Protein backbone atom coordinates (compact mmCIF):
# COMPACT_ATOMS: atom_id res chain seq x y z
CA ARG A 1 0.02 -0.04 0.12
CA LEU A 2 1.39 3.31 -1.05
CA PHE A 3 0.35 5.62 1.93
CA HIS A 4 0.63 2.96 4.59
CA PHE A 5 2.64 4.21 7.71
CA ASP A 6 4.62 2.05 10.09
CA LYS A 7 2.77 1.19 13.16
CA THR A 8 4.25 1.48 16.69
CA VAL A 9 3.08 -0.96 19.22
CA LEU A 10 4.01 -0.74 22.97
CA GLY A 11 3.81 -3.83 24.99
CA ILE A 12 5.23 -5.40 28.19
CA ILE A 13 7.67 -8.26 28.08
CA GLN A 14 8.88 -10.21 31.08
CA VAL A 15 12.58 -10.94 31.13
CA VAL A 16 12.77 -11.88 34.70
CA ASP A 17 13.92 -15.44 35.05
CA ARG A 18 14.23 -17.74 38.19
CA VAL A 19 17.72 -16.90 39.72
CA ASP A 20 18.85 -19.65 42.10
CA ILE A 21 21.43 -18.43 44.59
CA ASN A 22 22.13 -22.10 45.85
CA VAL A 23 25.29 -22.18 43.79
CA PRO A 24 28.53 -22.95 45.81
CA ALA A 25 30.28 -19.97 44.27
CA LEU A 26 27.64 -17.63 45.54
CA MET A 27 27.26 -19.27 48.93
CA SER A 28 30.87 -19.14 49.78
CA PRO A 29 32.46 -16.33 51.97
CA VAL A 30 34.55 -13.69 50.32
CA GLU A 31 37.35 -11.22 51.57
CA TYR A 32 38.78 -8.33 49.67
CA GLU A 33 41.59 -6.01 50.53
CA ASP A 34 42.86 -2.69 49.28
CA GLU A 35 45.90 -0.78 50.52
CA LYS A 36 46.76 2.96 49.93
CA THR A 37 49.52 5.25 51.11
CA ILE A 38 49.46 9.01 51.27
CA CYS A 39 52.26 10.92 49.49
CA CYS A 40 55.17 8.96 47.96
CA LEU A 41 58.76 7.79 48.42
CA CYS A 42 60.49 9.15 51.52
CA CYS A 43 57.55 11.09 52.87
CA ALA A 44 54.95 8.36 52.41
CA SER A 45 52.68 7.62 55.30
CA PRO A 46 52.22 4.02 56.70
CA PRO A 47 49.55 2.17 54.75
CA ILE A 48 45.86 2.52 55.02
CA THR A 49 44.59 -0.97 54.71
CA LEU A 50 40.81 -1.77 54.03
CA THR A 51 39.62 -5.24 54.32
CA VAL A 52 35.92 -6.30 53.73
CA ASN A 53 34.31 -9.63 54.51
CA VAL A 54 30.78 -10.90 53.33
CA PRO A 55 29.50 -14.31 54.19
CA ARG A 56 28.38 -14.93 50.52
CA THR A 57 27.71 -13.10 47.25
CA GLY A 58 24.27 -14.51 46.61
CA PHE A 59 21.35 -12.86 48.48
CA TRP A 60 17.52 -13.33 48.28
CA ILE A 61 15.13 -10.55 47.50
CA GLY A 62 14.36 -8.58 50.69
CA GLU A 63 17.31 -9.97 52.50
CA GLY A 64 19.98 -7.82 54.02
CA ILE A 65 23.81 -8.02 53.49
CA PRO A 66 25.90 -8.71 56.61
CA LEU A 67 29.18 -7.08 56.21
CA THR A 68 32.38 -6.58 58.26
CA ALA A 69 34.85 -3.86 57.26
CA ARG A 70 38.22 -3.68 59.01
CA LEU A 71 40.55 -0.60 58.58
CA ASP A 72 44.07 0.10 59.71
CA ASN A 73 44.64 3.72 59.43
CA GLY A 74 48.34 4.37 59.42
CA SER A 75 47.91 7.97 58.18
CA GLY A 76 47.68 11.14 60.17
CA LYS A 77 44.14 11.86 58.69
CA ILE A 78 40.63 11.14 60.02
CA ILE A 79 38.93 8.65 57.64
CA TYR A 80 35.34 7.56 57.11
CA LEU A 81 34.01 4.43 55.47
CA LEU A 82 31.16 4.67 53.09
CA VAL A 83 29.10 1.52 52.11
CA THR A 84 26.98 1.81 48.98
CA VAL A 85 24.60 -0.67 47.45
CA THR A 86 23.93 0.12 43.78
CA LYS A 87 21.59 -1.38 40.99
CA THR A 88 22.82 -0.81 37.42
CA VAL A 89 20.38 -1.46 34.46
CA THR A 90 21.75 -1.57 30.99
CA PHE A 91 19.53 -1.67 27.87
CA TYR A 92 20.62 -2.90 24.53
CA ALA A 93 18.72 -2.01 21.32
CA GLN A 94 19.75 -1.61 17.70
CA GLY A 95 23.51 -1.51 18.30
CA SER A 96 23.46 1.00 21.11
CA THR A 97 23.31 0.88 24.80
CA ASN A 98 21.69 3.06 27.46
CA GLY A 99 21.50 2.58 31.19
CA ASN A 100 21.09 4.02 34.66
CA ARG A 101 22.43 3.50 38.11
CA GLU A 102 20.55 3.82 41.30
CA ILE A 103 21.69 3.83 44.87
CA LEU A 104 19.63 1.41 47.05
CA ASN A 105 21.39 1.84 50.37
CA GLU A 106 24.21 4.04 51.65
CA ILE A 107 25.69 4.15 55.12
CA GLN A 108 28.69 6.10 56.56
CA SER A 109 30.75 4.96 59.54
CA PRO A 110 31.79 6.95 62.47
CA PRO A 111 35.11 8.71 62.17
CA ILE A 112 38.27 6.58 62.19
CA GLN A 113 41.07 8.46 64.19
CA PRO A 114 44.55 8.81 62.87
CA ARG A 115 47.03 5.98 63.51
CA SER A 116 44.33 3.72 64.71
CA THR A 117 44.67 0.08 64.01
CA ASN A 118 42.22 -2.74 63.62
CA PHE A 119 39.04 -0.51 63.48
CA ARG A 120 36.19 -3.04 62.90
CA TRP A 121 32.72 -1.95 61.66
CA THR A 122 29.98 -4.57 61.37
CA LEU A 123 26.80 -4.03 59.64
CA SER A 124 23.67 -6.19 60.25
CA THR A 125 21.27 -7.35 57.67
CA GLU A 126 18.80 -4.72 58.96
CA GLU A 127 21.28 -1.82 58.50
CA LEU A 128 22.19 -3.00 54.93
CA ALA A 129 18.84 -4.20 53.77
CA ILE A 130 17.99 -4.56 49.95
CA ARG A 131 14.47 -3.35 49.73
CA SER A 132 11.89 -4.87 47.29
CA THR A 133 13.45 -4.89 43.88
CA ILE A 134 13.87 -7.47 41.05
CA PRO A 135 16.38 -10.23 40.81
CA THR A 136 19.70 -10.07 38.82
CA ILE A 137 19.20 -10.35 35.00
CA ALA A 138 22.28 -11.75 33.29
CA ASN A 139 20.83 -13.94 30.56
CA SER A 140 18.90 -11.54 28.45
CA GLU A 141 20.08 -9.99 25.18
CA ILE A 142 18.07 -6.70 25.75
CA VAL A 143 18.50 -5.86 29.35
CA LEU A 144 21.34 -6.46 32.04
CA LEU A 145 20.54 -5.91 35.69
CA GLN A 146 23.60 -6.01 38.02
CA TYR A 147 23.97 -5.28 41.81
CA ASN A 148 27.15 -4.03 43.41
CA LEU A 149 28.39 -3.45 47.00
CA ARG A 150 31.10 -0.75 47.26
CA VAL A 151 33.08 0.01 50.53
CA LYS A 152 35.16 3.07 50.20
CA ALA A 153 37.59 4.64 52.65
CA LEU A 154 37.08 8.40 52.37
CA ILE A 155 40.59 9.76 52.69
CA PRO A 156 40.82 13.64 52.56
CA TRP A 157 43.16 14.97 49.83
CA ALA A 158 44.05 11.55 48.53
CA ILE A 159 42.86 8.75 46.30
CA ASN A 160 40.19 6.74 48.22
CA ALA A 161 40.63 3.01 48.90
CA ALA A 162 37.66 1.30 47.50
CA ILE A 163 36.46 -2.31 47.12
CA ASP A 164 33.70 -3.35 44.70
CA ILE A 165 31.95 -6.55 45.34
CA PRO A 166 29.37 -7.60 42.72
CA PHE A 167 26.57 -9.77 44.06
CA THR A 168 23.62 -11.73 42.75
CA LEU A 169 20.09 -11.13 43.84
CA GLY A 170 17.96 -14.11 43.37
CA ASN A 171 14.32 -15.12 43.69
CA ILE A 172 14.91 -18.69 44.92
CA PRO A 173 15.84 -18.66 48.60
CA PRO A 174 18.92 -20.26 50.04
CA GLN A 175 18.61 -23.82 51.26
CA SER A 176 19.17 -22.82 54.81
CA THR A 177 16.07 -20.72 54.98
CA ALA A 178 13.83 -22.87 52.59
CA GLY A 179 10.84 -23.81 54.53
CA GLN A 180 11.17 -21.00 56.98
CA PRO A 181 9.51 -17.68 56.43
CA PRO A 182 11.85 -15.27 54.95
CA ILE A 183 12.98 -12.14 56.70
CA LEU A 184 11.73 -9.30 54.44
CA TYR A 185 12.18 -5.67 54.87
CA PRO A 186 9.45 -3.42 53.72
CA SER A 187 9.89 -0.81 50.89
CA PRO A 188 10.27 2.65 52.04
CA GLN A 189 6.99 4.54 51.51
């Protein structure tokens, strides 16, 4: 037909799949470490060492992330720790990509005094809860949904020490809680 125009149709497609977090790689504890020094060569400060422990990297929707961060502050500066949970969505269409990043939770530690060693900061599952959201999407050709946990040592006038821990958010509960009611945290109103 000569004067026939292209039609545009909007529809909803579901790309969410069942994400099982009962995989040994996701249920194993992980520990990451980052070390920084301030200045360089002969005037360098003793190192600032940041170590982060998480019991696993697979979590259920509504579950919180228990976390332990340890900092040895060899510098002469007051340092803060900042923990951020982010969700990154990337869309793929017609050879181009578009995406956005959303902060789901962010918490700052009390100040860590200069030259203090073995500062330990433990966050419970309630403090670092992942509110209602959708599970990780990694097997779609049109959308990629990833979650990340970042622990950053905020060092004034220096490059911050940072640790990024990607994690999987699933919709099949861990075996240890199967059969028990889940601990869910309500969405903020």
